[in-house]
Amino acid sequence: MRHTFCISILLAATALSGCDMLGGEAAEKLAAAKEAEGKAVGGACRHAGRAIEDCYALNKKADKASIFAGWRDMNDYMRENKIDAVAPQVLATRSEAKSAEAKAESKAEAKVDTKPAEVLSDGSMPLTEKRPAKSGAGGKAREPKGHDS
């Protein structure tokens, strides 16, 4: 009984020795991934012509040292190869769309229906138009009574 238990423990240990989920190298891999991502962000910011301070402000979760390293590497590469910065098009398109929506909304709000209310011959308003509710006793709104005839 003891012999089979020891063999099963050894098999389990052997199977788990190649597993990345144990956490042995996970911290190193995570740090390397964060650094690589920061360098990529910094390089992209420089290629887009953004200042390093703007890049920091836009990417608060990324490591500043790796952002700067990526920004500096891309700056050197662009100078050596005489590459001009590319203006980001996505933000410009979004801001244009937002400004167009804001203009449309402001025009819709500013547009007032100046058509006079239609009044029937008996002095009442037609049922298709809404009348302001009158407040009765106790502050409750009354609804007009309908006529069957």
C-alpha atoms as a PDB file:
ATOM      1  CA  MET A   1       0.000   0.000   0.000  1.00  0.00           C
ATOM      2  CA  ARG A   2       2.778   2.361   0.961  1.00  0.00           C
ATOM      3  CA  HIS A   3       4.684   1.505  -2.184  1.00  0.00           C
ATOM      4  CA  THR A   4       1.793   2.493  -4.514  1.00  0.00           C
ATOM      5  CA  PHE A   5       1.263   5.733  -2.614  1.00  0.00           C
ATOM      6  CA  CYS A   6       4.922   6.723  -3.079  1.00  0.00           C
ATOM      7  CA  ILE A   7       4.794   5.867  -6.774  1.00  0.00           C
ATOM      8  CA  SER A   8       1.660   7.982  -7.271  1.00  0.00           C
ATOM      9  CA  ILE A   9       3.303  10.930  -5.471  1.00  0.00           C
ATOM     10  CA  LEU A  10       6.392  10.631  -7.675  1.00  0.00           C
ATOM     11  CA  LEU A  11       4.272  10.465 -10.838  1.00  0.00           C
ATOM     12  CA  ALA A  12       2.291  13.532  -9.795  1.00  0.00           C
ATOM     13  CA  ALA A  13       5.475  15.463  -8.995  1.00  0.00           C
ATOM     14  CA  THR A  14       6.971  14.475 -12.349  1.00  0.00           C
ATOM     15  CA  ALA A  15       3.828  15.543 -14.212  1.00  0.00           C
ATOM     16  CA  LEU A  16       3.704  18.905 -12.437  1.00  0.00           C
ATOM     17  CA  SER A  17       7.395  19.675 -12.837  1.00  0.00           C
ATOM     18  CA  GLY A  18       6.851  20.924 -16.404  1.00  0.00           C
ATOM     19  CA  CYS A  19       3.760  22.942 -15.491  1.00  0.00           C
ATOM     20  CA  ASP A  20       3.978  26.728 -15.806  1.00  0.00           C
ATOM     21  CA  MET A  21       1.102  27.191 -13.403  1.00  0.00           C
ATOM     22  CA  LEU A  22       3.241  26.500 -10.334  1.00  0.00           C
ATOM     23  CA  GLY A  23       4.554  30.081 -10.390  1.00  0.00           C
ATOM     24  CA  GLY A  24       8.298  29.468 -10.682  1.00  0.00           C
ATOM     25  CA  GLU A  25       8.892  31.544 -13.804  1.00  0.00           C
ATOM     26  CA  ALA A  26       5.568  33.344 -13.907  1.00  0.00           C
ATOM     27  CA  ALA A  27       6.905  36.489 -12.206  1.00  0.00           C
ATOM     28  CA  GLU A  28       9.831  36.738 -14.622  1.00  0.00           C
ATOM     29  CA  LYS A  29       7.580  36.214 -17.637  1.00  0.00           C
ATOM     30  CA  LEU A  30       5.111  38.786 -16.367  1.00  0.00           C
ATOM     31  CA  ALA A  31       7.841  41.375 -15.813  1.00  0.00           C
ATOM     32  CA  ALA A  32       9.292  40.733 -19.271  1.00  0.00           C
ATOM     33  CA  ALA A  33       5.850  41.058 -20.854  1.00  0.00           C
ATOM     34  CA  LYS A  34       5.173  44.359 -19.052  1.00  0.00           C
ATOM     35  CA  GLU A  35       8.536  45.725 -20.158  1.00  0.00           C
ATOM     36  CA  ALA A  36       7.971  44.669 -23.758  1.00  0.00           C
ATOM     37  CA  GLU A  37       4.514  46.214 -23.743  1.00  0.00           C
ATOM     38  CA  GLY A  38       5.865  49.464 -22.303  1.00  0.00           C
ATOM     39  CA  LYS A  39       8.553  49.613 -24.998  1.00  0.00           C
ATOM     40  CA  ALA A  40       5.946  49.003 -27.678  1.00  0.00           C
ATOM     41  CA  VAL A  41       3.736  51.763 -26.287  1.00  0.00           C
ATOM     42  CA  GLY A  42       6.664  54.178 -26.132  1.00  0.00           C
ATOM     43  CA  GLY A  43       7.739  53.372 -29.672  1.00  0.00           C
ATOM     44  CA  ALA A  44       4.204  53.828 -30.953  1.00  0.00           C
ATOM     45  CA  CYS A  45       3.903  57.160 -29.167  1.00  0.00           C
ATOM     46  CA  ARG A  46       7.126  58.417 -30.739  1.00  0.00           C
ATOM     47  CA  HIS A  47       6.101  57.206 -34.187  1.00  0.00           C
ATOM     48  CA  ALA A  48       2.802  59.062 -33.771  1.00  0.00           C
ATOM     49  CA  GLY A  49       4.701  62.250 -32.876  1.00  0.00           C
ATOM     50  CA  ARG A  50       3.520  62.409 -29.285  1.00  0.00           C
ATOM     51  CA  ALA A  51       5.656  63.950 -26.570  1.00  0.00           C
ATOM     52  CA  ILE A  52       6.893  61.581 -23.892  1.00  0.00           C
ATOM     53  CA  GLU A  53       4.807  63.381 -21.245  1.00  0.00           C
ATOM     54  CA  ASP A  54       1.655  62.847 -23.321  1.00  0.00           C
ATOM     55  CA  CYS A  55       2.549  59.195 -23.663  1.00  0.00           C
ATOM     56  CA  TYR A  56       2.883  58.879 -19.894  1.00  0.00           C
ATOM     57  CA  ALA A  57      -0.480  60.587 -19.393  1.00  0.00           C
ATOM     58  CA  LEU A  58      -2.257  58.354 -21.910  1.00  0.00           C
ATOM     59  CA  ASN A  59      -0.762  55.128 -20.516  1.00  0.00           C
ATOM     60  CA  LYS A  60      -0.801  55.457 -16.744  1.00  0.00           C
ATOM     61  CA  LYS A  61      -0.673  51.710 -16.035  1.00  0.00           C
ATOM     62  CA  ALA A  62       2.467  51.088 -18.089  1.00  0.00           C
ATOM     63  CA  ASP A  63       5.965  51.353 -16.592  1.00  0.00           C
ATOM     64  CA  LYS A  64       7.453  54.787 -17.304  1.00  0.00           C
ATOM     65  CA  ALA A  65      11.002  53.484 -17.664  1.00  0.00           C
ATOM     66  CA  SER A  66      10.016  50.986 -20.344  1.00  0.00           C
ATOM     67  CA  ILE A  67       7.861  53.585 -22.134  1.00  0.00           C
ATOM     68  CA  PHE A  68      10.841  55.926 -22.208  1.00  0.00           C
ATOM     69  CA  ALA A  69      13.152  53.165 -23.460  1.00  0.00           C
ATOM     70  CA  GLY A  70      10.775  52.377 -26.312  1.00  0.00           C
ATOM     71  CA  TRP A  71      10.263  56.055 -27.113  1.00  0.00           C
ATOM     72  CA  ARG A  72      14.023  56.685 -27.170  1.00  0.00           C
ATOM     73  CA  ASP A  73      14.731  53.619 -29.337  1.00  0.00           C
ATOM     74  CA  MET A  74      12.094  54.683 -31.846  1.00  0.00           C
ATOM     75  CA  ASN A  75      13.418  58.253 -31.805  1.00  0.00           C
ATOM     76  CA  ASP A  76      16.924  57.020 -32.661  1.00  0.00           C
ATOM     77  CA  TYR A  77      15.579  54.720 -35.373  1.00  0.00           C
ATOM     78  CA  MET A  78      13.483  57.498 -36.941  1.00  0.00           C
ATOM     79  CA  ARG A  79      16.439  59.908 -36.949  1.00  0.00           C
ATOM     80  CA  GLU A  80      18.808  57.363 -38.515  1.00  0.00           C
ATOM     81  CA  ASN A  81      16.337  56.450 -41.258  1.00  0.00           C
ATOM     82  CA  LYS A  82      14.896  59.965 -41.697  1.00  0.00           C
ATOM     83  CA  ILE A  83      11.338  58.850 -40.970  1.00  0.00           C
ATOM     84  CA  ASP A  84       8.710  61.493 -40.260  1.00  0.00           C
ATOM     85  CA  ALA A  85       6.129  61.094 -37.521  1.00  0.00           C
ATOM     86  CA  VAL A  86       2.718  59.829 -38.580  1.00  0.00           C
ATOM     87  CA  ALA A  87      -0.239  61.773 -37.204  1.00  0.00           C
ATOM     88  CA  PRO A  88      -2.749  59.461 -35.495  1.00  0.00           C
ATOM     89  CA  GLN A  89      -5.946  59.237 -37.563  1.00  0.00           C
ATOM     90  CA  VAL A  90      -8.163  57.366 -35.124  1.00  0.00           C
ATOM     91  CA  LEU A  91      -8.319  60.117 -32.497  1.00  0.00           C
ATOM     92  CA  ALA A  92      -8.851  62.787 -35.153  1.00  0.00           C
ATOM     93  CA  THR A  93     -11.739  60.808 -36.653  1.00  0.00           C
ATOM     94  CA  ARG A  94     -13.303  60.217 -33.252  1.00  0.00           C
ATOM     95  CA  SER A  95     -13.047  63.873 -32.273  1.00  0.00           C
ATOM     96  CA  GLU A  96     -14.547  64.964 -35.599  1.00  0.00           C
ATOM     97  CA  ALA A  97     -17.430  62.534 -35.150  1.00  0.00           C
ATOM     98  CA  LYS A  98     -18.036  63.731 -31.595  1.00  0.00           C
ATOM     99  CA  SER A  99     -18.009  67.376 -32.651  1.00  0.00           C
ATOM    100  CA  ALA A 100     -20.433  66.607 -35.484  1.00  0.00           C
ATOM    101  CA  GLU A 101     -22.760  64.818 -33.031  1.00  0.00           C
ATOM    102  CA  ALA A 102     -22.553  67.722 -30.603  1.00  0.00           C
ATOM    103  CA  LYS A 103     -23.410  70.198 -33.358  1.00  0.00           C
ATOM    104  CA  ALA A 104     -26.379  68.090 -34.472  1.00  0.00           C
ATOM    105  CA  GLU A 105     -27.651  67.814 -30.899  1.00  0.00           C
ATOM    106  CA  SER A 106     -27.295  71.537 -30.280  1.00  0.00           C
ATOM    107  CA  LYS A 107     -29.164  72.298 -33.510  1.00  0.00           C
ATOM    108  CA  ALA A 108     -31.922  69.871 -32.535  1.00  0.00           C
ATOM    109  CA  GLU A 109     -32.226  71.449 -29.087  1.00  0.00           C
ATOM    110  CA  ALA A 110     -32.149  74.974 -30.479  1.00  0.00           C
ATOM    111  CA  LYS A 111     -34.800  74.194 -33.068  1.00  0.00           C
ATOM    112  CA  VAL A 112     -38.132  75.216 -31.578  1.00  0.00           C
ATOM    113  CA  ASP A 113     -41.505  74.387 -33.085  1.00  0.00           C
ATOM    114  CA  THR A 114     -42.987  77.805 -33.773  1.00  0.00           C
ATOM    115  CA  LYS A 115     -46.224  76.451 -35.284  1.00  0.00           C
ATOM    116  CA  PRO A 116     -49.211  77.862 -33.382  1.00  0.00           C
ATOM    117  CA  ALA A 117     -51.413  75.372 -31.574  1.00  0.00           C
ATOM    118  CA  GLU A 118     -54.536  74.310 -33.470  1.00  0.00           C
ATOM    119  CA  VAL A 119     -57.777  75.236 -31.734  1.00  0.00           C
ATOM    120  CA  LEU A 120     -61.132  73.666 -32.567  1.00  0.00           C
ATOM    121  CA  SER A 121     -64.259  75.736 -33.126  1.00  0.00           C
ATOM    122  CA  ASP A 122     -65.487  75.005 -29.605  1.00  0.00           C
ATOM    123  CA  GLY A 123     -62.262  76.422 -28.152  1.00  0.00           C
ATOM    124  CA  SER A 124     -60.708  73.090 -27.218  1.00  0.00           C
ATOM    125  CA  MET A 125     -57.507  71.553 -28.503  1.00  0.00           C
ATOM    126  CA  PRO A 126     -57.523  68.404 -30.648  1.00  0.00           C
ATOM    127  CA  LEU A 127     -56.801  65.104 -28.869  1.00  0.00           C
ATOM    128  CA  THR A 128     -53.608  64.442 -30.827  1.00  0.00           C
ATOM    129  CA  GLU A 129     -51.789  67.266 -29.099  1.00  0.00           C
ATOM    130  CA  LYS A 130     -50.891  67.017 -25.431  1.00  0.00           C
ATOM    131  CA  ARG A 131     -52.021  69.653 -23.023  1.00  0.00           C
ATOM    132  CA  PRO A 132     -50.144  70.524 -19.878  1.00  0.00           C
ATOM    133  CA  ALA A 133     -51.561  68.685 -16.886  1.00  0.00           C
ATOM    134  CA  LYS A 134     -53.435  70.806 -14.386  1.00  0.00           C
ATOM    135  CA  SER A 135     -52.756  70.178 -10.767  1.00  0.00           C
ATOM    136  CA  GLY A 136     -55.809  69.632  -8.601  1.00  0.00           C
ATOM    137  CA  ALA A 137     -56.195  69.262  -4.887  1.00  0.00           C
ATOM    138  CA  GLY A 138     -53.283  67.550  -3.209  1.00  0.00           C
ATOM    139  CA  GLY A 139     -50.931  68.263  -6.090  1.00  0.00           C
ATOM    140  CA  LYS A 140     -52.190  65.342  -8.182  1.00  0.00           C
ATOM    141  CA  ALA A 141     -52.665  65.805 -11.890  1.00  0.00           C
ATOM    142  CA  ARG A 142     -56.202  65.426 -13.202  1.00  0.00           C
ATOM    143  CA  GLU A 143     -56.938  63.806 -16.498  1.00  0.00           C
ATOM    144  CA  PRO A 144     -59.726  65.244 -18.646  1.00  0.00           C
ATOM    145  CA  LYS A 145     -62.910  63.218 -18.743  1.00  0.00           C
ATOM    146  CA  GLY A 146     -63.833  61.807 -22.131  1.00  0.00           C
ATOM    147  CA  HIS A 147     -67.310  62.201 -23.682  1.00  0.00           C
ATOM    148  CA  ASP A 148     -69.016  59.183 -25.195  1.00  0.00           C
ATOM    149  CA  SER A 149     -71.460  61.030 -27.383  1.00  0.00           C
END
